[in-house]
Amino acid sequence: MAKQKAIAQIYGDWEESYNLIPRWIIEVQIYMSRTIAMLRTSHVRAGNTTDGTRVFFHRLFLTFPPCDEAFKYYKSLISTDGIHLYGKYGGTLLMAIAQDENSNILLVAFGLVEGVNTDS
């Protein structure tokens, strides 16, 4: 518990970090105007009722303009992969990558989702 408290003091807690995501996306889009970001949230459910005043993070997809521009010059094959995130909330980080003729790797887009499924 002491380790978790120390981490929270240094980096902030989980809820605080997730609550900053919408503002972070807006700031990124202001400074890189052609950034494509899709944030999905869901209403908090308690049993059969839905709390319309509170939402929680569901998934995020993001690509940056330099990645989009550079993809025009890469091989027309996209590889996808995901890595499971461990911690309080878990989830999966999905990545789409491409390669050029010299085997340099380019991140095309990434997503943070609840897990690997048809919807995400």
N, C-alpha and C. Protein backbone atom coordinates (compact mmCIF):
# COMPACT_ATOMS: atom_id res chain seq x y z
N MET A 1 0.83 -1.19 0.00
CA MET A 1 0.00 0.00 0.00
C MET A 1 0.87 1.26 0.00
N ALA A 2 2.00 1.19 0.67
CA ALA A 2 2.89 2.35 0.71
C ALA A 2 3.43 2.66 -0.67
N LYS A 3 3.75 1.62 -1.43
CA LYS A 3 4.24 1.82 -2.79
C LYS A 3 3.17 2.50 -3.64
N GLN A 4 1.92 2.05 -3.54
CA GLN A 4 0.83 2.64 -4.31
C GLN A 4 0.61 4.10 -3.93
N LYS A 5 0.71 4.41 -2.65
CA LYS A 5 0.54 5.79 -2.20
C LYS A 5 1.67 6.68 -2.72
N ALA A 6 2.89 6.15 -2.72
CA ALA A 6 4.03 6.92 -3.23
C ALA A 6 3.87 7.17 -4.72
N ILE A 7 3.45 6.18 -5.47
CA ILE A 7 3.24 6.34 -6.91
C ILE A 7 2.15 7.37 -7.16
N ALA A 8 1.07 7.32 -6.37
CA ALA A 8 -0.02 8.29 -6.52
C ALA A 8 0.45 9.71 -6.21
N GLN A 9 1.31 9.87 -5.22
CA GLN A 9 1.82 11.20 -4.90
C GLN A 9 2.71 11.75 -6.02
N ILE A 10 3.49 10.90 -6.63
CA ILE A 10 4.41 11.34 -7.68
C ILE A 10 3.68 11.56 -9.01
N TYR A 11 2.86 10.59 -9.43
CA TYR A 11 2.25 10.62 -10.75
C TYR A 11 0.77 10.95 -10.76
N GLY A 12 0.14 11.03 -9.60
CA GLY A 12 -1.32 11.22 -9.54
C GLY A 12 -2.01 9.87 -9.51
N ASP A 13 -3.27 9.88 -9.17
CA ASP A 13 -3.99 8.61 -9.08
C ASP A 13 -4.63 8.25 -10.42
N TRP A 14 -5.18 7.05 -10.51
CA TRP A 14 -5.72 6.52 -11.75
C TRP A 14 -6.88 7.38 -12.26
N GLU A 15 -7.82 7.70 -11.37
CA GLU A 15 -8.99 8.47 -11.79
C GLU A 15 -8.58 9.83 -12.32
N GLU A 16 -7.65 10.47 -11.65
CA GLU A 16 -7.16 11.78 -12.08
C GLU A 16 -6.54 11.69 -13.47
N SER A 17 -5.75 10.66 -13.71
CA SER A 17 -5.11 10.49 -15.02
C SER A 17 -6.14 10.28 -16.12
N TYR A 18 -7.13 9.42 -15.88
CA TYR A 18 -8.15 9.17 -16.89
C TYR A 18 -9.02 10.40 -17.12
N ASN A 19 -9.24 11.20 -16.10
CA ASN A 19 -10.05 12.41 -16.26
C ASN A 19 -9.34 13.47 -17.08
N LEU A 20 -8.02 13.39 -17.19
CA LEU A 20 -7.25 14.36 -17.98
C LEU A 20 -7.22 14.02 -19.47
N ILE A 21 -7.63 12.83 -19.86
CA ILE A 21 -7.54 12.40 -21.26
C ILE A 21 -8.29 13.32 -22.21
N PRO A 22 -9.55 13.70 -21.94
CA PRO A 22 -10.24 14.59 -22.90
C PRO A 22 -9.52 15.92 -23.11
N ARG A 23 -9.02 16.52 -22.04
CA ARG A 23 -8.28 17.78 -22.18
C ARG A 23 -6.98 17.57 -22.94
N TRP A 24 -6.32 16.44 -22.70
CA TRP A 24 -5.08 16.14 -23.40
C TRP A 24 -5.33 16.02 -24.90
N ILE A 25 -6.42 15.35 -25.28
CA ILE A 25 -6.76 15.18 -26.70
C ILE A 25 -7.02 16.53 -27.35
N ILE A 26 -7.75 17.41 -26.67
CA ILE A 26 -8.02 18.74 -27.21
C ILE A 26 -6.72 19.51 -27.42
N GLU A 27 -5.82 19.44 -26.45
CA GLU A 27 -4.54 20.14 -26.57
C GLU A 27 -3.72 19.61 -27.74
N VAL A 28 -3.69 18.29 -27.90
CA VAL A 28 -2.95 17.69 -29.02
C VAL A 28 -3.54 18.16 -30.34
N GLN A 29 -4.88 18.19 -30.44
CA GLN A 29 -5.52 18.61 -31.68
C GLN A 29 -5.31 20.10 -31.97
N ILE A 30 -5.14 20.90 -30.93
CA ILE A 30 -4.85 22.32 -31.14
C ILE A 30 -3.46 22.49 -31.74
N TYR A 31 -2.48 21.77 -31.21
CA TYR A 31 -1.10 21.93 -31.67
C TYR A 31 -0.78 21.14 -32.92
N MET A 32 -1.50 20.06 -33.17
CA MET A 32 -1.35 19.29 -34.41
C MET A 32 -2.75 19.15 -35.00
N SER A 33 -3.13 20.11 -35.82
CA SER A 33 -4.53 20.27 -36.22
C SER A 33 -5.13 19.09 -36.96
N ARG A 34 -4.36 18.28 -37.63
CA ARG A 34 -4.91 17.15 -38.38
C ARG A 34 -4.84 15.84 -37.61
N THR A 35 -4.63 15.92 -36.31
CA THR A 35 -4.64 14.72 -35.47
C THR A 35 -6.04 14.14 -35.45
N ILE A 36 -6.12 12.84 -35.63
CA ILE A 36 -7.41 12.15 -35.58
C ILE A 36 -7.50 11.43 -34.25
N ALA A 37 -8.51 11.76 -33.47
CA ALA A 37 -8.70 11.12 -32.17
C ALA A 37 -10.17 10.81 -31.97
N MET A 38 -10.44 9.62 -31.49
CA MET A 38 -11.80 9.22 -31.17
C MET A 38 -11.80 8.66 -29.75
N LEU A 39 -12.44 9.37 -28.86
CA LEU A 39 -12.56 8.95 -27.47
C LEU A 39 -13.98 8.50 -27.24
N ARG A 40 -14.13 7.33 -26.69
CA ARG A 40 -15.45 6.80 -26.35
C ARG A 40 -15.52 6.62 -24.84
N THR A 41 -16.63 7.09 -24.29
CA THR A 41 -16.88 6.90 -22.87
C THR A 41 -18.21 6.18 -22.72
N SER A 42 -18.46 5.62 -21.57
CA SER A 42 -19.72 4.95 -21.27
C SER A 42 -20.25 5.48 -19.95
N HIS A 43 -21.55 5.49 -19.83
CA HIS A 43 -22.15 5.93 -18.58
C HIS A 43 -21.93 4.88 -17.49
N VAL A 44 -21.79 5.34 -16.29
CA VAL A 44 -21.60 4.44 -15.15
C VAL A 44 -22.92 3.74 -14.86
N ARG A 45 -22.85 2.43 -14.72
CA ARG A 45 -24.05 1.63 -14.43
C ARG A 45 -23.94 1.03 -13.04
N ALA A 46 -25.03 1.06 -12.32
CA ALA A 46 -25.12 0.42 -11.01
C ALA A 46 -26.36 -0.45 -11.03
N GLY A 47 -26.14 -1.74 -11.22
CA GLY A 47 -27.28 -2.66 -11.36
C GLY A 47 -27.99 -2.41 -12.66
N ASN A 48 -29.29 -2.12 -12.58
CA ASN A 48 -30.09 -1.86 -13.78
C ASN A 48 -30.23 -0.37 -14.09
N THR A 49 -29.61 0.50 -13.28
CA THR A 49 -29.75 1.93 -13.49
C THR A 49 -28.45 2.51 -14.06
N THR A 50 -28.60 3.58 -14.81
CA THR A 50 -27.46 4.26 -15.41
C THR A 50 -27.36 5.66 -14.80
N ASP A 51 -26.17 6.02 -14.35
CA ASP A 51 -25.91 7.35 -13.82
C ASP A 51 -25.51 8.25 -14.98
N GLY A 52 -26.43 9.12 -15.41
CA GLY A 52 -26.19 9.99 -16.56
C GLY A 52 -25.21 11.11 -16.30
N THR A 53 -24.85 11.33 -15.05
CA THR A 53 -23.94 12.43 -14.73
C THR A 53 -22.48 12.00 -14.72
N ARG A 54 -22.22 10.70 -14.69
CA ARG A 54 -20.84 10.21 -14.62
C ARG A 54 -20.56 9.28 -15.79
N VAL A 55 -19.37 9.41 -16.35
CA VAL A 55 -18.95 8.53 -17.43
C VAL A 55 -17.58 7.96 -17.09
N PHE A 56 -17.23 6.85 -17.73
CA PHE A 56 -15.90 6.29 -17.55
C PHE A 56 -15.28 6.04 -18.91
N PHE A 57 -13.97 6.01 -18.92
CA PHE A 57 -13.19 5.78 -20.13
C PHE A 57 -13.53 4.42 -20.71
N HIS A 58 -13.78 4.39 -22.03
CA HIS A 58 -14.09 3.11 -22.67
C HIS A 58 -13.01 2.74 -23.68
N ARG A 59 -12.74 3.62 -24.66
CA ARG A 59 -11.66 3.36 -25.61
C ARG A 59 -11.22 4.65 -26.28
N LEU A 60 -10.00 4.60 -26.81
CA LEU A 60 -9.39 5.75 -27.47
C LEU A 60 -8.61 5.27 -28.68
N PHE A 61 -8.83 5.91 -29.82
CA PHE A 61 -8.05 5.66 -31.02
C PHE A 61 -7.39 6.97 -31.42
N LEU A 62 -6.12 6.89 -31.86
CA LEU A 62 -5.37 8.12 -32.12
C LEU A 62 -4.35 7.90 -33.23
N THR A 63 -4.25 8.87 -34.13
CA THR A 63 -3.18 8.91 -35.13
C THR A 63 -2.75 10.36 -35.31
N PHE A 64 -1.48 10.54 -35.57
CA PHE A 64 -0.91 11.87 -35.70
C PHE A 64 -0.64 12.21 -37.16
N PRO A 65 -0.69 13.49 -37.54
CA PRO A 65 -0.47 13.89 -38.95
C PRO A 65 0.84 13.38 -39.56
N PRO A 66 1.99 13.44 -38.86
CA PRO A 66 3.22 12.92 -39.47
C PRO A 66 3.13 11.43 -39.82
N CYS A 67 2.44 10.68 -39.00
CA CYS A 67 2.28 9.24 -39.28
C CYS A 67 1.42 9.04 -40.52
N ASP A 68 0.37 9.83 -40.64
CA ASP A 68 -0.51 9.73 -41.79
C ASP A 68 0.22 10.11 -43.08
N GLU A 69 1.00 11.18 -43.04
CA GLU A 69 1.76 11.62 -44.21
C GLU A 69 2.82 10.61 -44.61
N ALA A 70 3.54 10.09 -43.65
CA ALA A 70 4.64 9.16 -43.93
C ALA A 70 4.12 7.83 -44.47
N PHE A 71 2.90 7.44 -44.10
CA PHE A 71 2.36 6.16 -44.53
C PHE A 71 2.25 6.07 -46.05
N LYS A 72 2.11 7.19 -46.73
CA LYS A 72 2.01 7.20 -48.20
C LYS A 72 3.25 6.60 -48.84
N TYR A 73 4.39 6.66 -48.15
CA TYR A 73 5.65 6.23 -48.73
C TYR A 73 6.11 4.87 -48.21
N TYR A 74 5.29 4.22 -47.43
CA TYR A 74 5.65 2.91 -46.86
C TYR A 74 4.97 1.80 -47.64
N LYS A 75 5.39 0.57 -47.39
CA LYS A 75 4.76 -0.58 -48.03
C LYS A 75 3.28 -0.58 -47.68
N SER A 76 2.46 -1.02 -48.60
CA SER A 76 1.02 -0.99 -48.38
C SER A 76 0.54 -2.23 -47.60
N LEU A 77 1.22 -2.49 -46.52
CA LEU A 77 0.86 -3.59 -45.63
C LEU A 77 0.90 -3.07 -44.21
N ILE A 78 -0.17 -3.25 -43.50
CA ILE A 78 -0.24 -2.80 -42.11
C ILE A 78 -0.25 -4.02 -41.21
N SER A 79 0.60 -4.00 -40.21
CA SER A 79 0.62 -5.05 -39.19
C SER A 79 -0.03 -4.51 -37.94
N THR A 80 -0.77 -5.35 -37.26
CA THR A 80 -1.40 -4.94 -36.01
C THR A 80 -0.95 -5.86 -34.90
N ASP A 81 -0.89 -5.31 -33.72
CA ASP A 81 -0.53 -6.10 -32.55
C ASP A 81 -1.13 -5.42 -31.33
N GLY A 82 -1.19 -6.14 -30.28
CA GLY A 82 -1.72 -5.59 -29.04
C GLY A 82 -0.94 -6.12 -27.85
N ILE A 83 -0.96 -5.36 -26.79
CA ILE A 83 -0.30 -5.78 -25.56
C ILE A 83 -1.27 -5.51 -24.41
N HIS A 84 -1.39 -6.49 -23.55
CA HIS A 84 -2.28 -6.37 -22.40
C HIS A 84 -1.65 -5.46 -21.37
N LEU A 85 -2.46 -4.56 -20.83
CA LEU A 85 -2.00 -3.64 -19.80
C LEU A 85 -2.46 -4.17 -18.45
N TYR A 86 -1.57 -4.15 -17.50
CA TYR A 86 -1.89 -4.65 -16.18
C TYR A 86 -1.87 -3.49 -15.20
N GLY A 87 -2.69 -3.55 -14.23
CA GLY A 87 -2.78 -2.49 -13.24
C GLY A 87 -4.21 -2.44 -12.75
N LYS A 88 -4.59 -1.32 -12.23
CA LYS A 88 -5.92 -1.20 -11.64
C LYS A 88 -7.03 -1.41 -12.67
N TYR A 89 -6.88 -0.86 -13.88
CA TYR A 89 -7.95 -0.93 -14.86
C TYR A 89 -7.68 -1.89 -16.01
N GLY A 90 -6.46 -2.23 -16.28
CA GLY A 90 -6.17 -3.15 -17.37
C GLY A 90 -6.47 -2.56 -18.72
N GLY A 91 -6.82 -3.40 -19.66
CA GLY A 91 -7.10 -2.97 -21.02
C GLY A 91 -6.06 -3.53 -21.97
N THR A 92 -6.14 -3.10 -23.21
CA THR A 92 -5.21 -3.54 -24.23
C THR A 92 -4.78 -2.34 -25.07
N LEU A 93 -3.48 -2.23 -25.32
CA LEU A 93 -2.94 -1.22 -26.21
C LEU A 93 -2.78 -1.86 -27.58
N LEU A 94 -3.53 -1.37 -28.57
CA LEU A 94 -3.46 -1.88 -29.93
C LEU A 94 -2.61 -0.93 -30.77
N MET A 95 -1.80 -1.49 -31.66
CA MET A 95 -0.95 -0.68 -32.52
C MET A 95 -1.06 -1.16 -33.96
N ALA A 96 -1.05 -0.20 -34.88
CA ALA A 96 -0.98 -0.50 -36.31
C ALA A 96 0.34 0.09 -36.80
N ILE A 97 1.15 -0.75 -37.44
CA ILE A 97 2.47 -0.31 -37.90
C ILE A 97 2.67 -0.68 -39.36
N ALA A 98 3.61 0.01 -40.00
CA ALA A 98 3.99 -0.27 -41.39
C ALA A 98 5.50 -0.22 -41.47
N GLN A 99 6.05 -0.74 -42.59
CA GLN A 99 7.49 -0.76 -42.81
C GLN A 99 7.82 -0.14 -44.16
N ASP A 100 9.01 0.50 -44.22
CA ASP A 100 9.50 0.98 -45.51
C ASP A 100 10.44 -0.05 -46.11
N GLU A 101 11.09 0.29 -47.24
CA GLU A 101 11.97 -0.65 -47.92
C GLU A 101 13.19 -1.03 -47.10
N ASN A 102 13.59 -0.18 -46.15
CA ASN A 102 14.76 -0.45 -45.31
C ASN A 102 14.39 -1.08 -43.97
N SER A 103 13.18 -1.58 -43.87
CA SER A 103 12.65 -2.21 -42.65
C SER A 103 12.54 -1.26 -41.46
N ASN A 104 12.44 0.04 -41.73
CA ASN A 104 12.15 1.01 -40.67
C ASN A 104 10.67 0.90 -40.34
N ILE A 105 10.36 0.96 -39.07
CA ILE A 105 8.98 0.79 -38.62
C ILE A 105 8.34 2.14 -38.33
N LEU A 106 7.11 2.30 -38.77
CA LEU A 106 6.33 3.51 -38.56
C LEU A 106 5.06 3.15 -37.80
N LEU A 107 4.80 3.87 -36.73
CA LEU A 107 3.54 3.72 -36.02
C LEU A 107 2.48 4.48 -36.81
N VAL A 108 1.48 3.79 -37.29
CA VAL A 108 0.42 4.42 -38.07
C VAL A 108 -0.67 4.96 -37.16
N ALA A 109 -1.10 4.15 -36.22
CA ALA A 109 -2.15 4.54 -35.28
C ALA A 109 -2.08 3.63 -34.07
N PHE A 110 -2.72 4.06 -32.99
CA PHE A 110 -2.82 3.19 -31.83
C PHE A 110 -4.16 3.40 -31.15
N GLY A 111 -4.52 2.43 -30.37
CA GLY A 111 -5.77 2.50 -29.64
C GLY A 111 -5.61 1.91 -28.26
N LEU A 112 -6.37 2.44 -27.34
CA LEU A 112 -6.42 1.92 -25.97
C LEU A 112 -7.84 1.45 -25.76
N VAL A 113 -8.02 0.15 -25.63
CA VAL A 113 -9.36 -0.44 -25.58
C VAL A 113 -9.49 -1.35 -24.37
N GLU A 114 -10.73 -1.77 -24.13
CA GLU A 114 -10.99 -2.62 -22.97
C GLU A 114 -10.48 -4.03 -23.15
N GLY A 115 -10.30 -4.47 -24.37
CA GLY A 115 -9.81 -5.81 -24.66
C GLY A 115 -9.90 -6.06 -26.15
N VAL A 116 -9.35 -7.16 -26.60
CA VAL A 116 -9.41 -7.51 -28.01
C VAL A 116 -10.74 -8.19 -28.25
N ASN A 117 -11.62 -7.51 -29.00
CA ASN A 117 -12.92 -8.06 -29.35
C ASN A 117 -13.38 -7.44 -30.66
N THR A 118 -14.51 -7.87 -31.17
CA THR A 118 -15.00 -7.39 -32.46
C THR A 118 -15.28 -5.90 -32.44
N ASP A 119 -15.85 -5.38 -31.36
CA ASP A 119 -16.19 -3.96 -31.28
C ASP A 119 -14.97 -3.07 -31.31
N SER A 120 -13.93 -3.46 -30.57
CA SER A 120 -12.76 -2.59 -30.50
C SER A 120 -11.84 -2.81 -31.69
